[in-house]
Protein backbone atom coordinates (compact mmCIF):
# COMPACT_ATOMS: atom_id res chain seq x y z
CA MET A 1 -4.76 -6.39 14.47
CA PRO A 2 -8.39 -7.35 14.06
CA ASN A 3 -9.35 -10.69 14.96
CA ARG A 4 -10.59 -11.54 11.24
CA GLU A 5 -9.17 -10.43 7.71
CA ARG A 6 -11.02 -7.33 6.57
CA THR A 7 -11.31 -7.87 2.64
CA PHE A 8 -10.38 -4.74 0.57
CA ASP A 9 -13.75 -3.50 -0.09
CA GLU A 10 -14.40 -3.54 3.91
CA ALA A 11 -11.00 -1.25 4.05
CA ASN A 12 -12.12 1.08 1.29
CA ASN A 13 -15.71 1.57 2.98
CA SER A 14 -14.32 2.36 6.77
CA SER A 15 -11.32 4.58 5.36
CA ASN A 16 -11.55 7.23 2.76
CA ILE A 17 -7.41 7.09 1.93
CA PHE A 18 -8.27 3.75 -0.12
CA ARG A 19 -10.49 5.81 -2.18
CA GLY A 20 -9.19 6.39 -5.85
CA ILE A 21 -6.13 5.29 -4.78
CA CYS A 22 -4.65 3.67 -8.71
CA ALA A 23 -3.86 -0.14 -8.63
CA VAL A 24 -0.33 -1.41 -7.89
CA PRO A 25 1.21 -4.10 -10.08
CA MET A 26 3.42 -6.82 -8.35
CA GLU A 27 6.71 -5.69 -10.55
CA TRP A 28 6.71 -2.54 -8.29
CA LEU A 29 7.53 -3.96 -5.23
CA GLU A 30 10.54 -2.96 -3.49
CA PRO A 31 11.95 -4.42 -0.23
CA GLN A 32 8.99 -5.52 2.46
CA VAL A 33 9.03 -3.49 5.59
CA GLU A 34 8.11 -3.52 8.74
CA PRO A 35 5.12 -0.53 10.34
CA GLU A 36 7.60 0.80 12.10
CA GLU A 37 9.96 1.30 9.81
CA THR A 38 7.33 3.37 7.87
CA ASN A 39 7.92 7.04 8.36
CA THR A 40 4.89 8.41 6.93
CA GLN A 41 1.13 8.96 8.62
CA TYR A 42 -0.70 7.51 6.10
CA VAL A 43 0.44 4.48 6.87
CA GLY A 44 -1.55 3.78 10.17
CA ALA A 45 -4.42 3.64 7.69
CA LEU A 46 -2.99 0.78 6.20
CA ILE A 47 -1.84 -0.95 9.40
CA ASP A 48 -5.26 -0.43 10.72
CA VAL A 49 -6.31 -3.28 8.37
CA MET A 50 -3.73 -5.71 8.51
CA ALA A 51 -3.99 -8.72 9.64
CA LYS A 52 -1.64 -11.99 11.14
CA GLY A 53 0.74 -12.71 8.21
CA ASP A 54 0.12 -9.44 5.77
CA GLN A 55 3.31 -7.38 5.33
CA LEU A 56 3.66 -4.04 3.95
CA TRP A 57 5.94 -3.37 0.86
CA LYS A 58 7.59 -0.36 -0.62
CA PHE A 59 6.78 0.16 -4.30
CA ARG A 60 7.93 2.51 -6.83
CA SER A 61 7.01 2.65 -10.26
CA PRO A 62 9.25 2.61 -13.15
CA GLU A 63 11.84 5.17 -14.33
CA GLU A 64 10.29 5.72 -17.40
CA THR A 65 7.47 6.80 -15.37
CA TRP A 66 8.82 9.79 -13.41
CA TRP A 67 10.03 11.09 -17.03
CA GLU A 68 6.83 11.01 -18.14
CA LEU A 69 5.42 13.17 -14.70
CA CYS A 70 3.39 10.05 -13.75
CA GLY A 71 5.48 8.34 -11.23
CA ARG A 72 4.37 7.15 -8.00
CA GLU A 73 6.04 5.46 -4.79
CA GLY A 74 4.64 4.37 -1.56
CA ILE A 75 3.36 1.91 0.85
CA ALA A 76 1.36 -1.77 -0.39
CA LEU A 77 -0.37 -3.58 1.63
CA VAL A 78 -0.04 -7.70 0.26
CA ARG A 79 -2.13 -10.63 1.91
CA LYS A 80 -1.82 -14.00 0.76
CA GLY A 81 0.52 -12.90 -2.66
CA LYS A 82 -1.90 -9.82 -3.69
CA ILE A 83 -1.55 -6.45 -2.96
CA ILE A 84 -4.96 -5.08 -1.73
CA GLY A 85 -4.22 -2.02 -0.81
CA ALA A 86 -1.55 0.71 -1.01
CA ILE A 87 -0.85 4.65 -0.10
CA VAL A 88 1.06 6.54 -2.77
CA THR A 89 3.44 8.39 -0.69
CA VAL A 90 5.30 10.39 -3.42
CA THR A 91 4.58 11.27 -7.09
CA SER A 92 6.13 13.21 -9.76
């Protein structure tokens, strides 16, 4: 982990993985996960910008978004109670 917290802008500028990701509302968060519990290659980009105290959480959009073919789920990086980045791993 880095010695100092990186801002979302710094992470966004250093990693294309963050570009174009939609905002993830806090209401979509599901159980918190540990980095080693994630099973997607893209989560490494989130882990690279993690600071002490940051958390990874699963997220999933509401069921109706899946029926409307705009559902998404993935992993969000939470810092001080705010989502600062997210990786979408599944879409409908």
